[in-house]
Amino acid sequence: MEHTDKPNATPSENSRERELDAVEDGPPELLFSHVGHKAKISDFAWNEKEPWVIANVAEDDSLQVWQMTENIYRDQDEAENDEDIKQG
């Protein structure tokens, strides 16, 4: 795996769904590219308790903890439905 200075996120699906999508839609699209480290990223981890929270460390020992905003990984209709349920 190549190390870069930008963590990227792509949709995650099981391998069979990925194979079918690749045939139908092409390769997975890039959802997000985090820019901030000046050195190459040496490690990263997903937070097990908070969704979409990621920590990564670079070769210069800088640590960044960040979270993607919901509108990046959820479509607007899905988010609006959740809001309707909360209000209802």
N, C-alpha and C. Protein backbone atom coordinates (compact mmCIF):
# COMPACT_ATOMS: atom_id res chain seq x y z
N MET A 1 0.84 -1.17 0.00
CA MET A 1 0.00 0.00 0.00
C MET A 1 0.88 1.24 0.00
N GLU A 2 0.60 2.16 -0.87
CA GLU A 2 1.38 3.38 -0.97
C GLU A 2 0.94 4.38 0.09
N HIS A 3 1.90 5.00 0.77
CA HIS A 3 1.59 6.03 1.75
C HIS A 3 1.57 7.38 1.07
N THR A 4 0.59 8.20 1.41
CA THR A 4 0.49 9.54 0.85
C THR A 4 0.35 10.54 1.98
N ASP A 5 0.26 11.81 1.62
CA ASP A 5 0.03 12.83 2.63
C ASP A 5 -1.43 13.22 2.72
N LYS A 6 -2.33 12.50 2.00
CA LYS A 6 -3.76 12.79 2.03
C LYS A 6 -4.56 11.52 2.21
N PRO A 7 -5.28 11.36 3.33
CA PRO A 7 -6.17 10.21 3.45
C PRO A 7 -7.38 10.39 2.54
N ASN A 8 -7.76 9.36 1.85
CA ASN A 8 -8.90 9.39 0.95
C ASN A 8 -9.93 8.38 1.42
N ALA A 9 -11.19 8.67 1.19
CA ALA A 9 -12.27 7.76 1.57
C ALA A 9 -13.08 7.40 0.34
N THR A 10 -13.35 6.12 0.19
CA THR A 10 -14.22 5.63 -0.88
C THR A 10 -15.32 4.80 -0.24
N PRO A 11 -16.43 4.62 -0.93
CA PRO A 11 -17.52 3.82 -0.35
C PRO A 11 -17.05 2.42 0.00
N SER A 12 -17.54 1.88 1.11
CA SER A 12 -17.19 0.54 1.54
C SER A 12 -18.39 -0.38 1.36
N GLU A 13 -18.18 -1.48 0.66
CA GLU A 13 -19.25 -2.45 0.45
C GLU A 13 -18.62 -3.83 0.51
N ASN A 14 -19.45 -4.86 0.64
CA ASN A 14 -18.86 -6.20 0.62
C ASN A 14 -18.35 -6.50 -0.79
N SER A 15 -17.48 -7.47 -0.91
CA SER A 15 -16.79 -7.70 -2.18
C SER A 15 -17.73 -8.06 -3.32
N ARG A 16 -18.78 -8.81 -3.06
CA ARG A 16 -19.71 -9.19 -4.13
C ARG A 16 -20.45 -7.96 -4.66
N GLU A 17 -20.91 -7.10 -3.75
CA GLU A 17 -21.57 -5.87 -4.18
C GLU A 17 -20.61 -4.99 -4.96
N ARG A 18 -19.35 -4.93 -4.52
CA ARG A 18 -18.34 -4.14 -5.23
C ARG A 18 -18.15 -4.65 -6.64
N GLU A 19 -18.09 -5.98 -6.80
CA GLU A 19 -17.92 -6.56 -8.13
C GLU A 19 -19.10 -6.19 -9.03
N LEU A 20 -20.31 -6.28 -8.51
CA LEU A 20 -21.49 -5.94 -9.31
C LEU A 20 -21.51 -4.46 -9.66
N ASP A 21 -21.19 -3.61 -8.69
CA ASP A 21 -21.16 -2.18 -8.96
C ASP A 21 -20.10 -1.82 -9.99
N ALA A 22 -18.95 -2.48 -9.91
CA ALA A 22 -17.88 -2.20 -10.86
C ALA A 22 -18.34 -2.48 -12.28
N VAL A 23 -19.10 -3.53 -12.45
CA VAL A 23 -19.62 -3.87 -13.77
C VAL A 23 -20.64 -2.84 -14.21
N GLU A 24 -21.55 -2.46 -13.30
CA GLU A 24 -22.63 -1.55 -13.64
C GLU A 24 -22.21 -0.08 -13.68
N ASP A 25 -21.44 0.35 -12.72
CA ASP A 25 -21.16 1.78 -12.55
C ASP A 25 -19.70 2.17 -12.72
N GLY A 26 -18.82 1.23 -12.88
CA GLY A 26 -17.40 1.56 -12.91
C GLY A 26 -16.81 1.49 -11.52
N PRO A 27 -15.58 1.93 -11.36
CA PRO A 27 -14.90 1.83 -10.06
C PRO A 27 -15.53 2.76 -9.02
N PRO A 28 -15.29 2.48 -7.71
CA PRO A 28 -15.85 3.33 -6.66
C PRO A 28 -15.34 4.76 -6.79
N GLU A 29 -16.19 5.72 -6.44
CA GLU A 29 -15.78 7.11 -6.55
C GLU A 29 -15.11 7.57 -5.26
N LEU A 30 -14.30 8.59 -5.38
CA LEU A 30 -13.66 9.20 -4.23
C LEU A 30 -14.71 10.04 -3.51
N LEU A 31 -14.90 9.80 -2.21
CA LEU A 31 -15.86 10.57 -1.43
C LEU A 31 -15.23 11.82 -0.83
N PHE A 32 -13.98 11.70 -0.40
CA PHE A 32 -13.38 12.76 0.39
C PHE A 32 -11.87 12.61 0.36
N SER A 33 -11.16 13.71 0.33
CA SER A 33 -9.70 13.69 0.43
C SER A 33 -9.31 14.72 1.49
N HIS A 34 -8.78 14.26 2.61
CA HIS A 34 -8.38 15.14 3.71
C HIS A 34 -6.99 15.69 3.42
N VAL A 35 -6.86 17.00 3.45
CA VAL A 35 -5.57 17.64 3.20
C VAL A 35 -5.15 18.33 4.49
N GLY A 36 -3.94 18.12 4.91
CA GLY A 36 -3.51 18.76 6.14
C GLY A 36 -2.10 18.38 6.56
N HIS A 37 -1.71 17.14 6.37
CA HIS A 37 -0.36 16.73 6.74
C HIS A 37 0.65 17.25 5.73
N LYS A 38 1.82 17.61 6.23
CA LYS A 38 2.90 18.02 5.34
C LYS A 38 3.81 16.84 4.99
N ALA A 39 3.85 15.84 5.85
CA ALA A 39 4.65 14.63 5.62
C ALA A 39 3.73 13.48 5.24
N LYS A 40 4.32 12.39 4.79
CA LYS A 40 3.54 11.21 4.41
C LYS A 40 2.86 10.60 5.63
N ILE A 41 1.66 10.10 5.42
CA ILE A 41 0.92 9.43 6.50
C ILE A 41 1.53 8.06 6.76
N SER A 42 1.80 7.78 8.03
CA SER A 42 2.41 6.50 8.37
C SER A 42 1.40 5.52 8.99
N ASP A 43 0.29 6.04 9.55
CA ASP A 43 -0.72 5.15 10.13
C ASP A 43 -2.03 5.90 10.27
N PHE A 44 -3.13 5.14 10.32
CA PHE A 44 -4.44 5.74 10.56
C PHE A 44 -5.31 4.71 11.27
N ALA A 45 -6.39 5.19 11.88
CA ALA A 45 -7.33 4.29 12.55
C ALA A 45 -8.72 4.91 12.55
N TRP A 46 -9.73 4.04 12.36
CA TRP A 46 -11.13 4.46 12.48
C TRP A 46 -11.50 4.41 13.95
N ASN A 47 -12.28 5.37 14.42
CA ASN A 47 -12.80 5.35 15.78
C ASN A 47 -13.90 4.30 15.86
N GLU A 48 -13.81 3.39 16.80
CA GLU A 48 -14.79 2.31 16.92
C GLU A 48 -16.11 2.78 17.54
N LYS A 49 -16.10 3.91 18.23
CA LYS A 49 -17.30 4.39 18.93
C LYS A 49 -18.04 5.50 18.18
N GLU A 50 -17.32 6.33 17.44
CA GLU A 50 -17.91 7.46 16.74
C GLU A 50 -17.83 7.23 15.23
N PRO A 51 -18.96 7.25 14.54
CA PRO A 51 -18.94 7.00 13.09
C PRO A 51 -18.18 8.08 12.33
N TRP A 52 -17.43 7.64 11.37
CA TRP A 52 -16.71 8.50 10.43
C TRP A 52 -15.65 9.38 11.09
N VAL A 53 -15.18 9.02 12.28
CA VAL A 53 -14.08 9.74 12.93
C VAL A 53 -12.80 8.94 12.68
N ILE A 54 -11.80 9.63 12.18
CA ILE A 54 -10.54 8.99 11.80
C ILE A 54 -9.39 9.75 12.44
N ALA A 55 -8.39 9.01 12.90
CA ALA A 55 -7.15 9.62 13.38
C ALA A 55 -6.03 9.14 12.47
N ASN A 56 -5.13 10.05 12.12
CA ASN A 56 -3.98 9.64 11.34
C ASN A 56 -2.74 10.38 11.81
N VAL A 57 -1.61 9.72 11.66
CA VAL A 57 -0.33 10.28 12.07
C VAL A 57 0.61 10.26 10.87
N ALA A 58 1.44 11.29 10.78
CA ALA A 58 2.38 11.40 9.67
C ALA A 58 3.80 11.11 10.15
N GLU A 59 4.70 10.99 9.19
CA GLU A 59 6.10 10.67 9.51
C GLU A 59 6.77 11.77 10.33
N ASP A 60 6.21 12.99 10.33
CA ASP A 60 6.78 14.06 11.15
C ASP A 60 6.17 14.08 12.55
N ASP A 61 5.47 12.98 12.93
CA ASP A 61 4.84 12.79 14.23
C ASP A 61 3.64 13.71 14.48
N SER A 62 3.10 14.33 13.45
CA SER A 62 1.89 15.12 13.64
C SER A 62 0.68 14.19 13.62
N LEU A 63 -0.27 14.47 14.50
CA LEU A 63 -1.48 13.66 14.64
C LEU A 63 -2.68 14.53 14.30
N GLN A 64 -3.59 13.99 13.51
CA GLN A 64 -4.83 14.70 13.19
C GLN A 64 -6.00 13.76 13.45
N VAL A 65 -7.02 14.28 14.11
CA VAL A 65 -8.27 13.55 14.33
C VAL A 65 -9.35 14.37 13.64
N TRP A 66 -10.12 13.72 12.79
CA TRP A 66 -11.10 14.46 12.00
C TRP A 66 -12.32 13.61 11.70
N GLN A 67 -13.38 14.27 11.31
CA GLN A 67 -14.64 13.59 10.99
C GLN A 67 -15.24 14.23 9.74
N MET A 68 -15.64 13.38 8.81
CA MET A 68 -16.31 13.88 7.62
C MET A 68 -17.71 14.36 7.98
N THR A 69 -18.15 15.42 7.34
CA THR A 69 -19.52 15.89 7.54
C THR A 69 -20.50 14.94 6.85
N GLU A 70 -21.69 14.81 7.41
CA GLU A 70 -22.66 13.83 6.92
C GLU A 70 -23.01 14.01 5.45
N ASN A 71 -23.02 15.24 4.96
CA ASN A 71 -23.44 15.44 3.57
C ASN A 71 -22.44 14.85 2.57
N ILE A 72 -21.29 14.41 3.02
CA ILE A 72 -20.33 13.77 2.13
C ILE A 72 -20.68 12.30 1.93
N TYR A 73 -21.08 11.60 2.99
CA TYR A 73 -21.30 10.16 2.88
C TYR A 73 -22.77 9.75 2.90
N ARG A 74 -23.69 10.68 3.07
CA ARG A 74 -25.12 10.36 3.03
C ARG A 74 -25.79 11.24 2.00
N ASP A 75 -26.75 10.68 1.27
CA ASP A 75 -27.45 11.54 0.32
C ASP A 75 -28.48 12.39 1.06
N GLN A 76 -28.89 13.48 0.44
CA GLN A 76 -29.75 14.45 1.09
C GLN A 76 -31.10 13.86 1.49
N ASP A 77 -31.69 13.01 0.65
CA ASP A 77 -32.98 12.40 0.97
C ASP A 77 -32.91 11.57 2.24
N GLU A 78 -31.83 10.82 2.40
CA GLU A 78 -31.65 9.98 3.58
C GLU A 78 -31.56 10.84 4.84
N ALA A 79 -30.79 11.93 4.78
CA ALA A 79 -30.65 12.82 5.93
C ALA A 79 -31.97 13.51 6.26
N GLU A 80 -32.73 13.92 5.23
CA GLU A 80 -34.02 14.56 5.46
C GLU A 80 -35.01 13.59 6.10
N ASN A 81 -35.00 12.32 5.68
CA ASN A 81 -35.87 11.32 6.29
C ASN A 81 -35.56 11.14 7.76
N ASP A 82 -34.27 11.13 8.12
CA ASP A 82 -33.88 11.02 9.52
C ASP A 82 -34.38 12.22 10.33
N GLU A 83 -34.30 13.42 9.75
CA GLU A 83 -34.79 14.62 10.43
C GLU A 83 -36.29 14.54 10.65
N ASP A 84 -37.04 14.05 9.65
CA ASP A 84 -38.49 13.90 9.79
C ASP A 84 -38.83 12.94 10.92
N ILE A 85 -38.08 11.85 11.03
CA ILE A 85 -38.32 10.86 12.08
C ILE A 85 -38.04 11.47 13.45
N LYS A 86 -36.95 12.24 13.57
CA LYS A 86 -36.61 12.88 14.85
C LYS A 86 -37.69 13.87 15.27
N GLN A 87 -38.24 14.61 14.31
CA GLN A 87 -39.25 15.63 14.62
C GLN A 87 -40.63 15.02 14.84
N GLY A 88 -40.90 13.86 14.22
CA GLY A 88 -42.22 13.25 14.23
C GLY A 88 -42.56 12.57 15.48
